[in-house]
Structure formats: C-alpha cells, structure tokens
Amino acid sequence: MPNRRATLMPSKRCPPPGDPACRLLFTARLRAIVGTVCNDKDASPLPQILDLRGFEVTRRFKCFVLFCFLLSTAIAGPISAEELTVPGAGNNEFVLGRLALEFNTRQSQHHVSVPPSTGTAGALRDIRSGAASLARVGRQLRDDERGREIEFISLGRDAVVFVAGAAVTVTSITSAQATAAYLGEVTDWRALGGPPGPIRAIGREATDASRLALSRYIKNFETIAFDETVKLVHLDPQMIELLDRYPTSLGFLNRSALFACKTKVVPLALDGAAPTAENIASGRYPLFLEFGLIHRVNDLTPAGQAFIAFIQSPAGATILRDHGVIPASVRQ
C-alpha cells in the first residue's frame, strides 16, 4: 500500500520564524498535510517515520496532525508580536500615552504601554541595563550621557510655561515677578494683579528639563535658592498633582504635560508672550524644551521601529500638534 508523504517545510531555507512569509508557508504546509490525511482512506496504521525532510502521515495520526495545525495557527499570529514598554521621563508621558493609544488602535501586531514616570535618569538606566529597548527622555542628552551607544530621536519642541492653579485669575507674569515668587519676596497673587490669595510655589531640582529651559532665559534661575516655603518635587506627575490640589499654586512645566491636569490650571504668558506653538516657531516665546526617545544604536526592535514610524507619520504629527508640540519631523 503506497505511503502518502507530506513535507512540512520546503527544501529551501525558510525566512526567520517571525517573518510573515514563513508563517504563511508553514500554515499552508500544515493545511496540505490535513488535506492529505482527510483524503487518505487507505492509510496504513504503520508507525510514522520522522526524518529531516518530512514525516509520514496516516489515518491514525490524523488527530495529532490536526492538533499541530490548530496549535500552529494559535502560535503563528503572535510569534512576532511584541509588548513594548516605554519607560522614562514625565514631561512627555501624557502625549506619548495618547500616541500609544492611537497606535494600538490602528494595528494589533504590537502593543505599546507608557508606564508612570521614572525620569530621564530612569530612561538612561533602563536602556543601559537592557531593561528596556526604547525609553523616553525629557530633553536632549548631553554628550557624556549619550556616548556612542545611545541614539536620541526628537519628538518635537514643547513650550515650558509658568502655570497657576485653577482659582487664579492672573493670565501673565514677568520674569522678575516669577523670580520674586520663588525667592519668597512675593507671596500673594494680589501683588501680581489678581484677587488676594497665597502663592503656593512648587519648584523642581536644578537638573530638571523645565528648570533648565527657564534658566536659559531667566538669569540665575537654575541656581537661585528657592525660599523655604517652596515645595520641591522631583517628578512631573508630582508637580501636576500639587497644581490640582492647590487652587492658588504656581509651578512650571512643559505645556503638553498640562493636559494631564484634572483642574483648569492657567498657563501664563511670560513677559507679554503667550506660550503657543506659533510663538515658539517665530521665536517670540523663548522657553521650550525638546523631548524625545532613546535606544541603543542598532538595537531597535520591530515594535519600536513601528511605533516611531507612526509618531513620525502625519497621524502622529497631528496628535503632537493637538497637544501644542511642534513635531520634529513628518514622514509621508
């Protein structure tokens, strides 16, 4: 009685297992095997022979082959899928979360998540240790931070703003007034043209991206000694939490991060210039930072490549612009 032989894999070398062509070919071969089994009414119950070229298929082996087919169908789809976690800075956490949400909605091969902030320092630590393949940073990296092994991809420019709590009616502030508030020389909003109310100033450490941006415009802001009444926080989500908690607060942060606020905080014009994307582009508004993503050189995963491609697409650029960010680049 003649044997029916169905070859599982082709004689030519298959593409890598994650390659869609290989998955399609593998599934097609298994379908062929099932077809052979189902049509073989005279199949012998002899033991199967397994060799490097293929294997013998008999009626007795039908259930096993069908099981293999179902198993391969379940595995073949997600075999190249990737769960990509992008840890790091807090100032781009909100807008990257929106980008990840839209990316996940548009495709199902990969899934991107943006966890709570660990800061730019956390991003660098995770990339260097290999704990993450892609991370987010709140500013451009210094040469000593980047070295030769880390690549920075800019997402765009975002205004850095002084921001007041929801109960404040003041809409602008001068450089001198802001400095005086953080030195403790001005303690009430009435001195800045608003109704009476204590200024609850919230500050950041000298290495914070927003404070560094402020110091480029306001002399000595990086090194001034904040008054003891200033509440110092170390992460952007902590700044947002306090801005929401205290209606007469004063803080500073990049504008897109303010979308995470639960109350109607008030971005303040600085020295008469509103913190708009148009004013940043024209140079009229002087305070901005440039945040982005980092990865090890030549070590970007397929999910990372796909996510970056989406961010740099017209759809990604629209999301950035909707949050006040000037996109770094747009690829059609």
C-alpha atoms as a PDB file:
ATOM      1  CA  MET A   1       0.000   0.000   0.000  1.00  0.00           C
ATOM      2  CA  PRO A   2       1.587   3.242  -1.042  1.00  0.00           C
ATOM      3  CA  ASN A   3       2.529   5.784   1.543  1.00  0.00           C
ATOM      4  CA  ARG A   4       1.477   9.415   1.302  1.00  0.00           C
ATOM      5  CA  ARG A   5       4.246  11.833   2.258  1.00  0.00           C
ATOM      6  CA  ALA A   6       3.535  15.485   3.156  1.00  0.00           C
ATOM      7  CA  THR A   7       6.562  17.696   3.626  1.00  0.00           C
ATOM      8  CA  LEU A   8       6.178  20.144   6.489  1.00  0.00           C
ATOM      9  CA  MET A   9       8.881  22.611   5.449  1.00  0.00           C
ATOM     10  CA  PRO A  10      10.205  23.496   1.992  1.00  0.00           C
ATOM     11  CA  SER A  11      13.581  22.344   0.737  1.00  0.00           C
ATOM     12  CA  LYS A  12      14.735  25.940   0.516  1.00  0.00           C
ATOM     13  CA  ARG A  13      15.615  27.736   3.723  1.00  0.00           C
ATOM     14  CA  CYS A  14      12.586  29.384   5.334  1.00  0.00           C
ATOM     15  CA  PRO A  15      12.737  33.041   6.372  1.00  0.00           C
ATOM     16  CA  PRO A  16      13.153  33.739  10.094  1.00  0.00           C
ATOM     17  CA  PRO A  17      10.268  32.373  12.220  1.00  0.00           C
ATOM     18  CA  GLY A  18       8.828  35.821  12.828  1.00  0.00           C
ATOM     19  CA  ASP A  19       8.684  36.618   9.119  1.00  0.00           C
ATOM     20  CA  PRO A  20       5.093  36.738   7.791  1.00  0.00           C
ATOM     21  CA  ALA A  21       6.118  34.747   4.710  1.00  0.00           C
ATOM     22  CA  CYS A  22       7.382  31.922   6.896  1.00  0.00           C
ATOM     23  CA  ARG A  23       4.190  31.859   8.944  1.00  0.00           C
ATOM     24  CA  LEU A  24       2.052  31.729   5.796  1.00  0.00           C
ATOM     25  CA  LEU A  25       4.198  28.990   4.281  1.00  0.00           C
ATOM     26  CA  PHE A  26       4.148  26.959   7.485  1.00  0.00           C
ATOM     27  CA  THR A  27       0.372  27.223   7.785  1.00  0.00           C
ATOM     28  CA  ALA A  28      -0.110  26.308   4.105  1.00  0.00           C
ATOM     29  CA  ARG A  29       2.035  23.183   4.517  1.00  0.00           C
ATOM     30  CA  LEU A  30       0.037  22.091   7.544  1.00  0.00           C
ATOM     31  CA  ARG A  31      -3.174  22.626   5.596  1.00  0.00           C
ATOM     32  CA  ALA A  32      -1.758  20.374   2.894  1.00  0.00           C
ATOM     33  CA  ILE A  33      -0.991  17.706   5.488  1.00  0.00           C
ATOM     34  CA  VAL A  34      -4.544  17.837   6.851  1.00  0.00           C
ATOM     35  CA  GLY A  35      -5.877  17.563   3.308  1.00  0.00           C
ATOM     36  CA  THR A  36      -3.705  14.513   2.701  1.00  0.00           C
ATOM     37  CA  VAL A  37      -4.936  12.856   5.865  1.00  0.00           C
ATOM     38  CA  CYS A  38      -8.588  13.570   5.216  1.00  0.00           C
ATOM     39  CA  ASN A  39      -8.456  12.194   1.659  1.00  0.00           C
ATOM     40  CA  ASP A  40      -6.380   9.116   2.501  1.00  0.00           C
ATOM     41  CA  LYS A  41      -8.967   6.387   3.043  1.00  0.00           C
ATOM     42  CA  ASP A  42      -6.436   3.567   2.717  1.00  0.00           C
ATOM     43  CA  ALA A  43      -3.768   4.942   5.000  1.00  0.00           C
ATOM     44  CA  SER A  44      -1.758   2.299   6.787  1.00  0.00           C
ATOM     45  CA  PRO A  45      -1.697   2.167  10.614  1.00  0.00           C
ATOM     46  CA  LEU A  46       2.040   1.545  10.492  1.00  0.00           C
ATOM     47  CA  PRO A  47       4.182   3.695  12.793  1.00  0.00           C
ATOM     48  CA  GLN A  48       5.125   7.097  11.450  1.00  0.00           C
ATOM     49  CA  ILE A  49       8.616   7.828  10.116  1.00  0.00           C
ATOM     50  CA  LEU A  50      10.168  11.153  11.022  1.00  0.00           C
ATOM     51  CA  ASP A  51      13.183  12.410   9.115  1.00  0.00           C
ATOM     52  CA  LEU A  52      14.780  15.753   8.166  1.00  0.00           C
ATOM     53  CA  ARG A  53      12.707  16.092   5.006  1.00  0.00           C
ATOM     54  CA  GLY A  54       9.203  15.487   6.325  1.00  0.00           C
ATOM     55  CA  PHE A  55       7.088  12.835   8.018  1.00  0.00           C
ATOM     56  CA  GLU A  56       4.660  10.051   7.042  1.00  0.00           C
ATOM     57  CA  VAL A  57       1.003  10.805   7.683  1.00  0.00           C
ATOM     58  CA  THR A  58      -1.557   8.043   8.331  1.00  0.00           C
ATOM     59  CA  ARG A  59      -5.191   7.966   9.397  1.00  0.00           C
ATOM     60  CA  ARG A  60      -4.181   7.010  12.920  1.00  0.00           C
ATOM     61  CA  PHE A  61      -2.050  10.142  13.066  1.00  0.00           C
ATOM     62  CA  LYS A  62      -4.869  12.415  11.862  1.00  0.00           C
ATOM     63  CA  CYS A  63      -5.805  13.736  15.289  1.00  0.00           C
ATOM     64  CA  PHE A  64      -2.201  14.537  16.085  1.00  0.00           C
ATOM     65  CA  VAL A  65      -1.751  16.399  12.798  1.00  0.00           C
ATOM     66  CA  LEU A  66      -4.962  18.369  13.291  1.00  0.00           C
ATOM     67  CA  PHE A  67      -3.783  19.276  16.790  1.00  0.00           C
ATOM     68  CA  CYS A  68      -0.473  20.505  15.348  1.00  0.00           C
ATOM     69  CA  PHE A  69      -2.326  22.612  12.827  1.00  0.00           C
ATOM     70  CA  LEU A  70      -4.524  24.270  15.434  1.00  0.00           C
ATOM     71  CA  LEU A  71      -1.537  24.843  17.671  1.00  0.00           C
ATOM     72  CA  SER A  72       0.471  26.413  14.835  1.00  0.00           C
ATOM     73  CA  THR A  73      -2.450  28.671  13.973  1.00  0.00           C
ATOM     74  CA  ALA A  74      -2.531  29.934  17.541  1.00  0.00           C
ATOM     75  CA  ILE A  75       1.212  30.466  17.682  1.00  0.00           C
ATOM     76  CA  ALA A  76       1.897  31.762  14.184  1.00  0.00           C
ATOM     77  CA  GLY A  77      -0.024  35.008  14.679  1.00  0.00           C
ATOM     78  CA  PRO A  78       1.667  36.420  17.772  1.00  0.00           C
ATOM     79  CA  ILE A  79       5.087  34.887  17.172  1.00  0.00           C
ATOM     80  CA  SER A  80       6.480  38.235  16.006  1.00  0.00           C
ATOM     81  CA  ALA A  81       4.201  40.396  18.152  1.00  0.00           C
ATOM     82  CA  GLU A  82       5.840  42.461  20.862  1.00  0.00           C
ATOM     83  CA  GLU A  83       4.700  44.082  24.081  1.00  0.00           C
ATOM     84  CA  LEU A  84       6.717  47.311  24.094  1.00  0.00           C
ATOM     85  CA  THR A  85       7.038  49.259  27.335  1.00  0.00           C
ATOM     86  CA  VAL A  86       8.473  52.778  27.039  1.00  0.00           C
ATOM     87  CA  PRO A  87       9.661  53.974  30.485  1.00  0.00           C
ATOM     88  CA  GLY A  88      11.259  57.276  31.411  1.00  0.00           C
ATOM     89  CA  ALA A  89      10.511  60.984  31.656  1.00  0.00           C
ATOM     90  CA  GLY A  90       7.295  62.514  32.928  1.00  0.00           C
ATOM     91  CA  ASN A  91       7.093  65.623  30.758  1.00  0.00           C
ATOM     92  CA  ASN A  92       6.187  63.645  27.628  1.00  0.00           C
ATOM     93  CA  GLU A  93       4.287  60.892  29.438  1.00  0.00           C
ATOM     94  CA  PHE A  94       0.822  62.217  28.609  1.00  0.00           C
ATOM     95  CA  VAL A  95       1.332  62.904  24.908  1.00  0.00           C
ATOM     96  CA  LEU A  96       3.207  59.620  24.397  1.00  0.00           C
ATOM     97  CA  GLY A  97       0.355  57.853  26.141  1.00  0.00           C
ATOM     98  CA  ARG A  98      -2.032  59.354  23.587  1.00  0.00           C
ATOM     99  CA  LEU A  99       0.273  58.339  20.740  1.00  0.00           C
ATOM    100  CA  ALA A 100       0.490  54.788  22.108  1.00  0.00           C
ATOM    101  CA  LEU A 101      -3.288  54.596  22.452  1.00  0.00           C
ATOM    102  CA  GLU A 102      -3.817  55.568  18.822  1.00  0.00           C
ATOM    103  CA  PHE A 103      -1.009  53.260  17.649  1.00  0.00           C
ATOM    104  CA  ASN A 104      -2.570  50.318  19.498  1.00  0.00           C
ATOM    105  CA  THR A 105      -5.974  51.130  17.996  1.00  0.00           C
ATOM    106  CA  ARG A 106      -4.673  51.199  14.425  1.00  0.00           C
ATOM    107  CA  GLN A 107      -2.911  47.830  14.477  1.00  0.00           C
ATOM    108  CA  SER A 108      -2.837  44.610  16.512  1.00  0.00           C
ATOM    109  CA  GLN A 109       0.604  43.201  15.833  1.00  0.00           C
ATOM    110  CA  HIS A 110       2.305  45.160  18.642  1.00  0.00           C
ATOM    111  CA  HIS A 111       1.155  46.770  21.857  1.00  0.00           C
ATOM    112  CA  VAL A 112       2.815  49.841  23.386  1.00  0.00           C
ATOM    113  CA  SER A 113       2.428  50.915  27.001  1.00  0.00           C
ATOM    114  CA  VAL A 114       3.700  54.093  28.698  1.00  0.00           C
ATOM    115  CA  PRO A 115       4.201  53.479  32.444  1.00  0.00           C
ATOM    116  CA  PRO A 116       4.419  56.166  35.164  1.00  0.00           C
ATOM    117  CA  SER A 117       7.472  58.410  35.162  1.00  0.00           C
ATOM    118  CA  THR A 118      10.881  57.322  36.397  1.00  0.00           C
ATOM    119  CA  GLY A 119      12.527  60.444  34.976  1.00  0.00           C
ATOM    120  CA  THR A 120      15.166  60.862  32.299  1.00  0.00           C
ATOM    121  CA  ALA A 121      17.652  59.223  34.667  1.00  0.00           C
ATOM    122  CA  GLY A 122      15.419  56.158  34.797  1.00  0.00           C
ATOM    123  CA  ALA A 123      15.239  56.054  30.996  1.00  0.00           C
ATOM    124  CA  LEU A 124      19.028  56.102  30.700  1.00  0.00           C
ATOM    125  CA  ARG A 125      19.369  53.426  33.366  1.00  0.00           C
ATOM    126  CA  ASP A 126      16.880  51.102  31.678  1.00  0.00           C
ATOM    127  CA  ILE A 127      18.450  51.486  28.238  1.00  0.00           C
ATOM    128  CA  ARG A 128      21.979  50.908  29.505  1.00  0.00           C
ATOM    129  CA  SER A 129      20.993  47.845  31.520  1.00  0.00           C
ATOM    130  CA  GLY A 130      18.902  46.371  28.721  1.00  0.00           C
ATOM    131  CA  ALA A 131      15.730  46.500  30.824  1.00  0.00           C
ATOM    132  CA  ALA A 132      14.067  48.479  28.017  1.00  0.00           C
ATOM    133  CA  SER A 133      14.692  48.677  24.274  1.00  0.00           C
ATOM    134  CA  LEU A 134      13.054  52.105  23.921  1.00  0.00           C
ATOM    135  CA  ALA A 135      12.683  54.840  26.539  1.00  0.00           C
ATOM    136  CA  ARG A 136      11.512  58.447  26.778  1.00  0.00           C
ATOM    137  CA  VAL A 137      13.614  61.432  27.844  1.00  0.00           C
ATOM    138  CA  GLY A 138      12.521  64.952  28.726  1.00  0.00           C
ATOM    139  CA  ARG A 139      15.344  66.794  26.987  1.00  0.00           C
ATOM    140  CA  GLN A 140      18.210  66.364  24.586  1.00  0.00           C
ATOM    141  CA  LEU A 141      21.003  64.303  26.083  1.00  0.00           C
ATOM    142  CA  ARG A 142      24.440  65.632  26.921  1.00  0.00           C
ATOM    143  CA  ASP A 143      27.383  64.090  25.107  1.00  0.00           C
ATOM    144  CA  ASP A 144      28.544  62.326  28.255  1.00  0.00           C
ATOM    145  CA  GLU A 145      25.069  60.807  28.736  1.00  0.00           C
ATOM    146  CA  ARG A 146      24.637  59.643  25.179  1.00  0.00           C
ATOM    147  CA  GLY A 147      28.142  58.434  24.395  1.00  0.00           C
ATOM    148  CA  ARG A 148      28.441  56.293  21.306  1.00  0.00           C
ATOM    149  CA  GLU A 149      25.914  53.651  22.248  1.00  0.00           C
ATOM    150  CA  ILE A 150      22.688  55.647  22.655  1.00  0.00           C
ATOM    151  CA  GLU A 151      20.684  57.306  19.894  1.00  0.00           C
ATOM    152  CA  PHE A 152      18.278  60.196  20.548  1.00  0.00           C
ATOM    153  CA  ILE A 153      15.172  60.652  18.397  1.00  0.00           C
ATOM    154  CA  SER A 154      13.498  64.033  18.804  1.00  0.00           C
ATOM    155  CA  LEU A 155       9.724  64.118  19.082  1.00  0.00           C
ATOM    156  CA  GLY A 156       9.467  67.887  18.903  1.00  0.00           C
ATOM    157  CA  ARG A 157       9.556  71.173  20.789  1.00  0.00           C
ATOM    158  CA  ASP A 158       7.173  71.982  23.616  1.00  0.00           C
ATOM    159  CA  ALA A 159       6.693  75.291  25.427  1.00  0.00           C
ATOM    160  CA  VAL A 160       7.807  75.499  29.060  1.00  0.00           C
ATOM    161  CA  VAL A 161       5.300  77.587  30.972  1.00  0.00           C
ATOM    162  CA  PHE A 162       4.686  79.086  34.349  1.00  0.00           C
ATOM    163  CA  VAL A 163       1.279  77.771  35.349  1.00  0.00           C
ATOM    164  CA  ALA A 164      -1.169  78.866  38.032  1.00  0.00           C
ATOM    165  CA  GLY A 165      -3.846  76.931  39.886  1.00  0.00           C
ATOM    166  CA  ALA A 166      -7.460  76.917  38.791  1.00  0.00           C
ATOM    167  CA  ALA A 167      -8.538  79.693  41.189  1.00  0.00           C
ATOM    168  CA  VAL A 168      -6.005  82.223  39.869  1.00  0.00           C
ATOM    169  CA  THR A 169      -7.288  84.922  37.520  1.00  0.00           C
ATOM    170  CA  VAL A 170      -3.869  86.297  36.565  1.00  0.00           C
ATOM    171  CA  THR A 171      -3.017  85.370  32.959  1.00  0.00           C
ATOM    172  CA  SER A 172       0.565  86.613  32.618  1.00  0.00           C
ATOM    173  CA  ILE A 173       3.723  87.005  34.635  1.00  0.00           C
ATOM    174  CA  THR A 174       7.074  88.708  34.129  1.00  0.00           C
ATOM    175  CA  SER A 175      10.496  87.152  34.613  1.00  0.00           C
ATOM    176  CA  ALA A 176      11.108  89.428  37.590  1.00  0.00           C
ATOM    177  CA  GLN A 177       7.785  88.503  39.215  1.00  0.00           C
ATOM    178  CA  ALA A 178       8.395  84.776  38.785  1.00  0.00           C
ATOM    179  CA  THR A 179      11.868  85.060  40.307  1.00  0.00           C
ATOM    180  CA  ALA A 180      10.497  87.079  43.232  1.00  0.00           C
ATOM    181  CA  ALA A 181       7.803  84.460  43.873  1.00  0.00           C
ATOM    182  CA  TYR A 182      10.357  81.652  44.095  1.00  0.00           C
ATOM    183  CA  LEU A 183      12.652  83.723  46.293  1.00  0.00           C
ATOM    184  CA  GLY A 184       9.755  84.317  48.666  1.00  0.00           C
ATOM    185  CA  GLU A 185       9.742  88.068  48.061  1.00  0.00           C
ATOM    186  CA  VAL A 186       6.210  87.996  46.596  1.00  0.00           C
ATOM    187  CA  THR A 187       3.772  85.734  48.435  1.00  0.00           C
ATOM    188  CA  ASP A 188       0.286  86.868  47.399  1.00  0.00           C
ATOM    189  CA  TRP A 189      -1.411  86.924  43.986  1.00  0.00           C
ATOM    190  CA  ARG A 190      -2.723  90.400  44.760  1.00  0.00           C
ATOM    191  CA  ALA A 191       0.814  91.716  44.192  1.00  0.00           C
ATOM    192  CA  LEU A 192       0.640  90.280  40.652  1.00  0.00           C
ATOM    193  CA  GLY A 193      -2.711  91.851  39.818  1.00  0.00           C
ATOM    194  CA  GLY A 194      -5.095  89.170  40.983  1.00  0.00           C
ATOM    195  CA  PRO A 195      -7.513  88.720  43.916  1.00  0.00           C
ATOM    196  CA  PRO A 196      -5.916  88.062  47.311  1.00  0.00           C
ATOM    197  CA  GLY A 197      -4.622  84.529  47.735  1.00  0.00           C
ATOM    198  CA  PRO A 198      -1.394  82.880  48.870  1.00  0.00           C
ATOM    199  CA  ILE A 199       1.084  81.914  46.171  1.00  0.00           C
ATOM    200  CA  ARG A 200       1.858  78.247  46.801  1.00  0.00           C
ATOM    201  CA  ALA A 201       5.016  77.946  44.731  1.00  0.00           C
ATOM    202  CA  ILE A 202       6.127  74.498  43.554  1.00  0.00           C
ATOM    203  CA  GLY A 203       9.690  74.005  42.300  1.00  0.00           C
ATOM    204  CA  ARG A 204      11.938  71.424  40.704  1.00  0.00           C
ATOM    205  CA  GLU A 205      15.565  70.394  41.158  1.00  0.00           C
ATOM    206  CA  ALA A 206      18.281  72.214  39.212  1.00  0.00           C
ATOM    207  CA  THR A 207      18.688  69.361  36.701  1.00  0.00           C
ATOM    208  CA  ASP A 208      15.007  69.269  35.721  1.00  0.00           C
ATOM    209  CA  ALA A 209      14.411  69.826  31.989  1.00  0.00           C
ATOM    210  CA  SER A 210      11.850  72.588  32.514  1.00  0.00           C
ATOM    211  CA  ARG A 211      14.027  74.426  35.021  1.00  0.00           C
ATOM    212  CA  LEU A 212      16.997  74.190  32.665  1.00  0.00           C
ATOM    213  CA  ALA A 213      14.853  75.721  29.918  1.00  0.00           C
ATOM    214  CA  LEU A 214      13.834  78.551  32.243  1.00  0.00           C
ATOM    215  CA  SER A 215      17.432  79.223  33.231  1.00  0.00           C
ATOM    216  CA  ARG A 216      18.394  79.835  29.598  1.00  0.00           C
ATOM    217  CA  TYR A 217      16.080  82.844  29.600  1.00  0.00           C
ATOM    218  CA  ILE A 218      15.808  83.953  33.230  1.00  0.00           C
ATOM    219  CA  LYS A 219      19.240  84.728  34.621  1.00  0.00           C
ATOM    220  CA  ASN A 220      20.332  82.539  37.527  1.00  0.00           C
ATOM    221  CA  PHE A 221      17.005  80.647  37.719  1.00  0.00           C
ATOM    222  CA  GLU A 222      18.918  77.366  37.644  1.00  0.00           C
ATOM    223  CA  THR A 223      20.969  78.226  40.705  1.00  0.00           C
ATOM    224  CA  ILE A 224      18.774  80.522  42.820  1.00  0.00           C
ATOM    225  CA  ALA A 225      17.976  79.272  46.301  1.00  0.00           C
ATOM    226  CA  PHE A 226      14.243  78.726  46.482  1.00  0.00           C
ATOM    227  CA  ASP A 227      12.526  80.075  49.570  1.00  0.00           C
ATOM    228  CA  GLU A 228      11.810  77.521  52.283  1.00  0.00           C
ATOM    229  CA  THR A 229       8.090  77.852  51.553  1.00  0.00           C
ATOM    230  CA  VAL A 230       8.578  76.472  48.025  1.00  0.00           C
ATOM    231  CA  LYS A 231       7.532  72.839  47.751  1.00  0.00           C
ATOM    232  CA  LEU A 232      10.210  70.908  45.831  1.00  0.00           C
ATOM    233  CA  VAL A 233       9.133  67.893  43.759  1.00  0.00           C
ATOM    234  CA  HIS A 234      11.224  65.533  41.657  1.00  0.00           C
ATOM    235  CA  LEU A 235       8.797  64.187  39.058  1.00  0.00           C
ATOM    236  CA  ASP A 236       6.393  65.892  36.679  1.00  0.00           C
ATOM    237  CA  PRO A 237       3.349  63.895  37.873  1.00  0.00           C
ATOM    238  CA  GLN A 238       4.046  65.230  41.378  1.00  0.00           C
ATOM    239  CA  MET A 239       4.012  68.787  40.006  1.00  0.00           C
ATOM    240  CA  ILE A 240       0.677  68.094  38.293  1.00  0.00           C
ATOM    241  CA  GLU A 241      -0.784  66.601  41.463  1.00  0.00           C
ATOM    242  CA  LEU A 242       0.073  69.702  43.517  1.00  0.00           C
ATOM    243  CA  LEU A 243      -1.169  72.105  40.841  1.00  0.00           C
ATOM    244  CA  ASP A 244      -4.503  70.297  41.002  1.00  0.00           C
ATOM    245  CA  ARG A 245      -4.525  70.179  44.809  1.00  0.00           C
ATOM    246  CA  TYR A 246      -3.820  73.852  45.469  1.00  0.00           C
ATOM    247  CA  PRO A 247      -6.039  76.306  43.539  1.00  0.00           C
ATOM    248  CA  THR A 248      -3.629  79.214  44.169  1.00  0.00           C
ATOM    249  CA  SER A 249      -0.457  77.318  43.280  1.00  0.00           C
ATOM    250  CA  LEU A 250       2.359  78.422  40.962  1.00  0.00           C
ATOM    251  CA  GLY A 251       4.541  75.939  39.117  1.00  0.00           C
ATOM    252  CA  PHE A 252       6.373  75.418  35.841  1.00  0.00           C
ATOM    253  CA  LEU A 253       6.130  72.594  33.348  1.00  0.00           C
ATOM    254  CA  ASN A 254       6.018  71.889  29.619  1.00  0.00           C
ATOM    255  CA  ARG A 255       2.623  72.718  28.193  1.00  0.00           C
ATOM    256  CA  SER A 256       1.637  69.333  26.743  1.00  0.00           C
ATOM    257  CA  ALA A 257       2.009  67.767  30.193  1.00  0.00           C
ATOM    258  CA  LEU A 258      -0.716  70.079  31.497  1.00  0.00           C
ATOM    259  CA  PHE A 259      -3.305  68.008  29.591  1.00  0.00           C
ATOM    260  CA  ALA A 260      -2.949  65.514  32.449  1.00  0.00           C
ATOM    261  CA  CYS A 261      -4.271  68.054  34.968  1.00  0.00           C
ATOM    262  CA  LYS A 262      -7.748  67.364  36.338  1.00  0.00           C
ATOM    263  CA  THR A 263      -8.486  71.021  37.096  1.00  0.00           C
ATOM    264  CA  LYS A 264      -8.473  74.036  34.791  1.00  0.00           C
ATOM    265  CA  VAL A 265      -4.978  75.292  35.537  1.00  0.00           C
ATOM    266  CA  VAL A 266      -3.864  78.549  33.919  1.00  0.00           C
ATOM    267  CA  PRO A 267      -0.813  78.651  31.593  1.00  0.00           C
ATOM    268  CA  LEU A 268       0.690  82.120  31.998  1.00  0.00           C
ATOM    269  CA  ALA A 269       2.070  84.349  29.290  1.00  0.00           C
ATOM    270  CA  LEU A 270       5.665  85.339  30.041  1.00  0.00           C
ATOM    271  CA  ASP A 271       6.812  88.917  29.533  1.00  0.00           C
ATOM    272  CA  GLY A 272       3.802  89.517  27.297  1.00  0.00           C
ATOM    273  CA  ALA A 273       4.254  86.463  25.018  1.00  0.00           C
ATOM    274  CA  ALA A 274       1.724  83.614  25.071  1.00  0.00           C
ATOM    275  CA  PRO A 275       3.154  80.054  25.111  1.00  0.00           C
ATOM    276  CA  THR A 276       1.753  78.995  21.736  1.00  0.00           C
ATOM    277  CA  ALA A 277       3.343  76.822  19.073  1.00  0.00           C
ATOM    278  CA  GLU A 278       3.261  79.788  16.693  1.00  0.00           C
ATOM    279  CA  ASN A 279       5.182  81.979  19.135  1.00  0.00           C
ATOM    280  CA  ILE A 280       7.732  79.236  19.728  1.00  0.00           C
ATOM    281  CA  ALA A 281       8.262  78.818  15.986  1.00  0.00           C
ATOM    282  CA  SER A 282       8.684  82.573  15.488  1.00  0.00           C
ATOM    283  CA  GLY A 283      10.970  82.951  18.498  1.00  0.00           C
ATOM    284  CA  ARG A 284       8.611  85.348  20.278  1.00  0.00           C
ATOM    285  CA  TYR A 285       8.086  82.905  23.133  1.00  0.00           C
ATOM    286  CA  PRO A 286      11.577  81.961  24.327  1.00  0.00           C
ATOM    287  CA  LEU A 287      11.004  78.974  26.633  1.00  0.00           C
ATOM    288  CA  PHE A 288      10.826  75.471  25.220  1.00  0.00           C
ATOM    289  CA  LEU A 289      12.336  72.042  25.588  1.00  0.00           C
ATOM    290  CA  GLU A 290      12.930  69.287  23.054  1.00  0.00           C
ATOM    291  CA  PHE A 291      11.986  65.849  24.301  1.00  0.00           C
ATOM    292  CA  GLY A 292      12.335  62.506  22.594  1.00  0.00           C
ATOM    293  CA  LEU A 293      13.008  58.785  22.652  1.00  0.00           C
ATOM    294  CA  ILE A 294      16.269  56.903  23.114  1.00  0.00           C
ATOM    295  CA  HIS A 295      17.502  53.437  22.248  1.00  0.00           C
ATOM    296  CA  ARG A 296      20.805  51.658  21.888  1.00  0.00           C
ATOM    297  CA  VAL A 297      22.397  52.097  18.463  1.00  0.00           C
ATOM    298  CA  ASN A 298      21.349  49.317  16.051  1.00  0.00           C
ATOM    299  CA  ASP A 299      19.176  47.758  18.751  1.00  0.00           C
ATOM    300  CA  LEU A 300      15.671  48.959  17.914  1.00  0.00           C
ATOM    301  CA  THR A 301      13.065  46.183  17.922  1.00  0.00           C
ATOM    302  CA  PRO A 302      10.345  45.787  15.268  1.00  0.00           C
ATOM    303  CA  ALA A 303       7.739  47.210  17.660  1.00  0.00           C
ATOM    304  CA  GLY A 304       9.976  50.179  18.401  1.00  0.00           C
ATOM    305  CA  GLN A 305      10.507  50.815  14.699  1.00  0.00           C
ATOM    306  CA  ALA A 306       6.770  50.627  14.022  1.00  0.00           C
ATOM    307  CA  PHE A 307       5.908  52.964  16.913  1.00  0.00           C
ATOM    308  CA  ILE A 308       8.477  55.563  15.856  1.00  0.00           C
ATOM    309  CA  ALA A 309       7.256  55.349  12.259  1.00  0.00           C
ATOM    310  CA  PHE A 310       3.729  56.078  13.489  1.00  0.00           C
ATOM    311  CA  ILE A 311       4.884  59.054  15.593  1.00  0.00           C
ATOM    312  CA  GLN A 312       6.661  60.497  12.556  1.00  0.00           C
ATOM    313  CA  SER A 313       3.654  59.929  10.287  1.00  0.00           C
ATOM    314  CA  PRO A 314       1.032  62.623   9.545  1.00  0.00           C
ATOM    315  CA  ALA A 315      -1.319  60.961  12.053  1.00  0.00           C
ATOM    316  CA  GLY A 316       1.301  61.084  14.784  1.00  0.00           C
ATOM    317  CA  ALA A 317       2.189  64.685  13.963  1.00  0.00           C
ATOM    318  CA  THR A 318      -1.481  65.648  14.312  1.00  0.00           C
ATOM    319  CA  ILE A 319      -1.598  64.249  17.840  1.00  0.00           C
ATOM    320  CA  LEU A 320       1.557  66.146  18.755  1.00  0.00           C
ATOM    321  CA  ARG A 321       0.199  69.406  17.342  1.00  0.00           C
ATOM    322  CA  ASP A 322      -3.120  68.913  19.130  1.00  0.00           C
ATOM    323  CA  HIS A 323      -1.131  68.973  22.374  1.00  0.00           C
ATOM    324  CA  GLY A 324       0.866  72.066  21.444  1.00  0.00           C
ATOM    325  CA  VAL A 325       4.044  70.265  20.380  1.00  0.00           C
ATOM    326  CA  ILE A 326       5.894  71.266  17.211  1.00  0.00           C
ATOM    327  CA  PRO A 327       6.746  67.887  15.587  1.00  0.00           C
ATOM    328  CA  ALA A 328      10.404  67.258  14.848  1.00  0.00           C
ATOM    329  CA  SER A 329       9.702  65.573  11.521  1.00  0.00           C
ATOM    330  CA  VAL A 330       6.831  64.208   9.489  1.00  0.00           C
ATOM    331  CA  ARG A 331       7.275  61.337   7.061  1.00  0.00           C
ATOM    332  CA  GLN A 332       4.635  60.592   4.467  1.00  0.00           C
END
